[in-house]
Amino acid sequence: MSEENEDKDARERNPRFPSETLQEALSRVEKLFTGLGRGAAPAEAVAKAVGYNSLNGTSRTTLAALSYYGLLSRESSKYKVSDLALRIIRPVNDTDKVSAVWEACLSPKLFGEIQKDHADCTESVLVTILIHKGFTQNGADKAAHVFKDNLEFAGSLGYPPKNNESKDLNPNSAGSQKSSPGSTQAMTPQSITANELPVPIGENLVARVPFPMTEDDFDLLIGTLNLWKKKLIRVAVTEKATVADKPDAIVTKGG
């Protein structure tokens, strides 16, 4: 089979997914915002603003990736930076940015399905699963890599607040059955599932950590916890002070 036929076969068999990682897509959006602001513009102008000389097959694929992530809004035949993208590149606060990053990360239909059913799989196992779902080898390799890169990027920033409106976008929500890499959500011992290492953090409380992890994964987890250390301690101090102000409050542990 010729290379041209192989490319055609890949396009026909692989379900749609963004060809760029979320970090790459956000870099494109930053260029678009810098060049054109939030005004709607024709596809060719958008393609040039994000780094291409013209509107061609490659630039169209990039614009499609931005759309899959929800970073582009379409108005008739024109495009502009979406509200979701603006929440990430020009956030009003860190919490909303984290929530928006996770929303963009899981906006592509394929990635939302993977997060729901196979988030704990290694990249190599995920490739095999995607092949059985009809992907070509190259398509499966690419999709698995982009998904895992996105998950690592979003996880390095933090996790969505528990009151996120969409439980599917919140790895820590009560309705989610999967944990995200590096998750340290407090829970009771009874809720620990397979492929997780229970780490005691208090009376009747443990943190769930994916197990096993690579050394890079472990370093990422430690770095993420250090980034959140001051905020977590401030929250704990605030909650303690609140309880002290209300001596009649009843505090329960373990659920």
Protein backbone atom coordinates (compact mmCIF):
# COMPACT_ATOMS: atom_id res chain seq x y z
CA MET A 1 0.00 0.00 0.00
CA SER A 2 1.39 3.42 -0.94
CA GLU A 3 2.00 6.16 1.65
CA GLU A 4 -0.87 8.16 0.14
CA ASN A 5 -3.24 5.22 0.55
CA GLU A 6 -2.03 4.66 4.10
CA ASP A 7 -2.79 8.30 4.96
CA LYS A 8 -6.22 7.96 3.37
CA ASP A 9 -6.88 4.76 5.33
CA ALA A 10 -5.85 6.48 8.56
CA ARG A 11 -8.23 9.37 7.92
CA GLU A 12 -11.06 6.94 7.22
CA ARG A 13 -10.54 4.67 10.22
CA ASN A 14 -9.43 6.91 13.06
CA PRO A 15 -12.20 8.64 15.01
CA ARG A 16 -11.66 12.38 15.22
CA PHE A 17 -9.39 13.82 17.89
CA PRO A 18 -7.09 16.87 18.16
CA SER A 19 -3.71 16.31 16.56
CA GLU A 20 -2.02 18.77 18.92
CA THR A 21 -1.66 18.66 22.68
CA LEU A 22 -3.61 21.16 24.74
CA GLN A 23 -0.41 23.03 25.58
CA GLU A 24 0.39 23.40 21.88
CA ALA A 25 -3.18 24.50 21.17
CA LEU A 26 -3.04 27.12 23.93
CA SER A 27 0.18 28.47 22.46
CA ARG A 28 -1.66 28.91 19.16
CA VAL A 29 -4.56 30.64 20.88
CA GLU A 30 -2.18 33.03 22.62
CA LYS A 31 -0.82 34.02 19.20
CA LEU A 32 -4.33 34.41 17.87
CA PHE A 33 -5.38 36.63 20.76
CA THR A 34 -2.22 38.72 20.46
CA GLY A 35 -2.66 39.15 16.72
CA LEU A 36 -6.42 39.55 16.31
CA GLY A 37 -7.80 40.05 19.80
CA ARG A 38 -11.30 38.65 20.24
CA GLY A 39 -12.67 39.82 16.94
CA ALA A 40 -14.12 37.24 14.54
CA ALA A 41 -11.98 36.68 11.45
CA PRO A 42 -12.01 34.44 8.34
CA ALA A 43 -10.30 31.06 8.62
CA GLU A 44 -7.36 32.19 6.48
CA ALA A 45 -6.65 35.16 8.76
CA VAL A 46 -6.88 32.91 11.80
CA ALA A 47 -4.49 30.39 10.22
CA LYS A 48 -1.94 33.14 9.58
CA ALA A 49 -2.36 34.50 13.11
CA VAL A 50 -1.52 31.12 14.66
CA GLY A 51 1.63 30.68 12.59
CA TYR A 52 0.85 29.49 9.05
CA ASN A 53 1.46 31.18 5.72
CA SER A 54 -1.90 30.20 4.29
CA LEU A 55 -5.02 28.12 4.78
CA ASN A 56 -4.06 24.59 3.74
CA GLY A 57 -4.44 21.01 4.90
CA THR A 58 -2.02 21.40 7.80
CA SER A 59 -3.44 24.69 9.06
CA ARG A 60 -7.00 23.38 8.76
CA THR A 61 -6.01 20.42 10.94
CA THR A 62 -4.68 22.83 13.56
CA LEU A 63 -7.84 24.93 13.50
CA ALA A 64 -9.83 21.73 13.90
CA ALA A 65 -7.75 20.84 16.98
CA LEU A 66 -8.49 24.24 18.53
CA SER A 67 -12.18 23.66 17.85
CA TYR A 68 -12.12 20.17 19.41
CA TYR A 69 -10.75 21.71 22.61
CA GLY A 70 -13.43 24.41 22.55
CA LEU A 71 -10.82 27.14 22.16
CA LEU A 72 -12.35 28.58 18.98
CA SER A 73 -15.87 29.91 18.57
CA ARG A 74 -17.46 29.96 15.12
CA GLU A 75 -19.68 32.76 13.86
CA SER A 76 -21.00 31.90 10.42
CA SER A 77 -17.81 31.49 8.34
CA LYS A 78 -15.58 33.30 10.84
CA TYR A 79 -13.73 32.24 13.98
CA LYS A 80 -12.63 33.91 17.20
CA VAL A 81 -11.08 33.12 20.57
CA SER A 82 -13.74 31.40 22.68
CA ASP A 83 -14.86 32.29 26.20
CA LEU A 84 -13.29 29.04 27.41
CA ALA A 85 -9.93 29.94 25.86
CA LEU A 86 -10.04 33.39 27.44
CA ARG A 87 -10.62 31.84 30.86
CA ILE A 88 -7.32 29.99 30.39
CA ILE A 89 -5.04 32.55 28.75
CA ARG A 90 -6.47 35.55 30.64
CA PRO A 91 -7.93 33.99 33.81
CA VAL A 92 -9.78 35.97 36.46
CA ASN A 93 -8.39 33.64 39.12
CA ASP A 94 -6.41 30.40 39.41
CA THR A 95 -9.41 28.28 40.38
CA ASP A 96 -11.38 29.19 37.28
CA LYS A 97 -8.32 28.64 35.08
CA VAL A 98 -7.81 25.13 36.44
CA SER A 99 -11.47 24.32 35.86
CA ALA A 100 -11.30 25.71 32.31
CA VAL A 101 -8.14 23.75 31.51
CA TRP A 102 -9.82 20.51 32.56
CA GLU A 103 -12.90 21.38 30.53
CA ALA A 104 -10.76 21.98 27.44
CA CYS A 105 -8.70 18.86 28.13
CA LEU A 106 -11.77 16.63 28.09
CA SER A 107 -13.84 18.50 25.50
CA PRO A 108 -12.86 16.21 22.60
CA LYS A 109 -15.44 13.40 22.63
CA LEU A 110 -12.77 10.69 22.42
CA PHE A 111 -10.82 12.09 25.36
CA GLY A 112 -13.95 12.37 27.49
CA GLU A 113 -14.67 8.70 26.82
CA ILE A 114 -11.10 7.68 27.66
CA GLN A 115 -11.19 9.65 30.91
CA LYS A 116 -14.43 7.93 31.87
CA ASP A 117 -13.43 4.36 31.03
CA HIS A 118 -9.64 4.10 30.72
CA ALA A 119 -8.02 7.00 32.59
CA ASP A 120 -5.89 4.67 34.73
CA CYS A 121 -4.36 2.83 31.77
CA THR A 122 -0.75 3.34 30.82
CA GLU A 123 -0.10 4.92 27.45
CA SER A 124 0.92 1.60 25.91
CA VAL A 125 -2.21 -0.17 27.18
CA LEU A 126 -4.34 2.71 25.92
CA VAL A 127 -2.80 2.33 22.47
CA THR A 128 -3.89 -1.32 22.40
CA ILE A 129 -7.42 -0.40 23.50
CA LEU A 130 -7.70 2.23 20.76
CA ILE A 131 -6.49 -0.22 18.11
CA HIS A 132 -9.27 -2.60 19.16
CA LYS A 133 -11.68 0.32 18.76
CA GLY A 134 -10.68 0.69 15.12
CA PHE A 135 -7.69 3.03 15.20
CA THR A 136 -4.67 2.52 13.01
CA GLN A 137 -1.37 1.97 14.84
CA ASN A 138 -0.20 5.52 14.10
CA GLY A 139 -3.56 6.97 15.05
CA ALA A 140 -3.66 5.07 18.33
CA ASP A 141 -0.10 6.11 19.19
CA LYS A 142 -0.90 9.76 18.51
CA ALA A 143 -4.23 9.82 20.34
CA ALA A 144 -2.85 8.06 23.42
CA HIS A 145 0.16 10.37 23.58
CA VAL A 146 -1.92 13.55 23.23
CA PHE A 147 -4.43 12.38 25.85
CA LYS A 148 -1.76 11.46 28.40
CA ASP A 149 0.16 14.70 27.77
CA ASN A 150 -3.05 16.69 28.32
CA LEU A 151 -3.83 14.81 31.51
CA GLU A 152 -0.35 15.45 32.88
CA PHE A 153 -0.55 19.13 31.98
CA ALA A 154 -3.98 19.63 33.56
CA GLY A 155 -2.98 17.61 36.62
CA SER A 156 0.15 19.73 37.12
CA LEU A 157 -2.05 22.80 37.53
CA GLY A 158 -4.42 21.19 40.02
CA TYR A 159 -7.86 19.64 40.03
CA PRO A 160 -11.30 21.16 39.38
CA PRO A 161 -13.28 22.35 42.41
CA LYS A 162 -15.74 19.79 43.77
CA ASN A 163 -18.69 22.00 42.89
CA ASN A 164 -17.85 21.85 39.18
CA GLU A 165 -21.14 21.73 37.30
CA SER A 166 -20.02 18.83 35.11
CA LYS A 167 -19.01 15.74 37.08
CA ASP A 168 -17.43 14.22 33.99
CA LEU A 169 -14.94 17.11 33.91
CA ASN A 170 -14.08 16.74 37.58
CA PRO A 171 -11.80 13.79 38.44
CA ASN A 172 -12.48 14.42 42.14
CA SER A 173 -16.28 14.62 41.94
CA ALA A 174 -18.40 12.15 43.88
CA GLY A 175 -19.84 10.77 40.65
CA SER A 176 -16.50 9.99 39.07
CA GLN A 177 -15.28 6.40 39.30
CA LYS A 178 -11.80 7.12 37.98
CA SER A 179 -8.90 8.93 39.63
CA SER A 180 -6.57 11.27 37.79
CA PRO A 181 -2.78 10.87 37.96
CA GLY A 182 -1.47 12.30 41.21
CA SER A 183 -4.89 12.66 42.83
CA THR A 184 -4.73 13.16 46.59
CA GLN A 185 -8.42 13.39 47.39
CA ALA A 186 -9.21 12.54 50.98
CA MET A 187 -11.42 9.50 51.41
CA THR A 188 -12.20 6.65 53.75
CA PRO A 189 -10.29 3.35 53.48
CA GLN A 190 -13.41 1.61 52.15
CA SER A 191 -13.36 3.74 48.98
CA ILE A 192 -9.85 2.75 47.89
CA THR A 193 -9.92 0.93 44.54
CA ALA A 194 -7.45 -1.15 42.53
CA ASN A 195 -4.25 0.44 41.20
CA GLU A 196 -4.18 2.93 44.08
CA LEU A 197 -1.87 3.17 47.07
CA PRO A 198 -3.64 4.28 50.29
CA VAL A 199 -1.54 6.91 52.11
CA PRO A 200 -2.77 7.78 55.64
CA ILE A 201 -3.17 11.54 56.19
CA GLY A 202 -5.23 11.60 59.36
CA GLU A 203 -7.60 9.64 61.55
CA ASN A 204 -9.83 7.49 59.31
CA LEU A 205 -8.61 9.41 56.26
CA VAL A 206 -6.29 8.41 53.45
CA ALA A 207 -5.13 9.94 50.18
CA ARG A 208 -5.34 7.87 46.99
CA VAL A 209 -2.24 7.83 44.83
CA PRO A 210 -1.95 5.90 41.55
CA PHE A 211 0.22 2.80 41.95
CA PRO A 212 2.68 1.94 40.60
CA MET A 213 4.18 5.21 39.33
CA THR A 214 7.29 6.02 37.34
CA GLU A 215 9.94 8.20 38.92
CA ASP A 216 8.82 11.09 36.68
CA ASP A 217 5.21 10.61 37.81
CA PHE A 218 6.32 10.65 41.46
CA ASP A 219 8.39 13.82 40.97
CA LEU A 220 5.40 15.46 39.28
CA LEU A 221 3.16 14.50 42.21
CA ILE A 222 5.60 15.94 44.75
CA GLY A 223 5.97 19.12 42.71
CA THR A 224 2.19 19.51 42.45
CA LEU A 225 1.72 19.04 46.21
CA ASN A 226 4.43 21.61 46.92
CA LEU A 227 2.67 24.11 44.65
CA TRP A 228 -0.58 23.58 46.56
CA LYS A 229 1.02 23.41 50.04
CA LYS A 230 0.45 27.01 51.11
CA LYS A 231 -3.11 27.07 49.81
CA LEU A 232 -3.99 23.78 51.48
CA ILE A 233 -2.54 24.94 54.78
CA ARG A 234 -4.37 28.27 54.53
CA VAL A 235 -7.63 26.42 53.88
CA ALA A 236 -7.03 24.15 56.87
CA VAL A 237 -6.24 27.12 59.15
CA THR A 238 -9.34 28.99 57.94
CA GLU A 239 -11.58 25.99 58.55
CA LYS A 240 -10.10 25.51 62.03
CA ALA A 241 -10.70 29.16 62.86
CA THR A 242 -14.28 28.90 61.63
CA VAL A 243 -14.94 25.94 63.91
CA ALA A 244 -13.36 27.78 66.83
CA ASP A 245 -15.73 30.70 66.28
CA LYS A 246 -18.67 28.30 66.49
CA PRO A 247 -18.17 26.17 69.65
CA ASP A 248 -21.50 24.46 69.11
CA ALA A 249 -20.45 23.08 65.72
CA ILE A 250 -20.29 19.31 65.46
CA VAL A 251 -17.22 17.95 63.65
CA THR A 252 -17.29 14.41 62.35
CA LYS A 253 -14.49 12.32 60.88
CA GLY A 254 -14.38 9.38 58.60
CA GLY A 255 -17.37 10.28 56.36
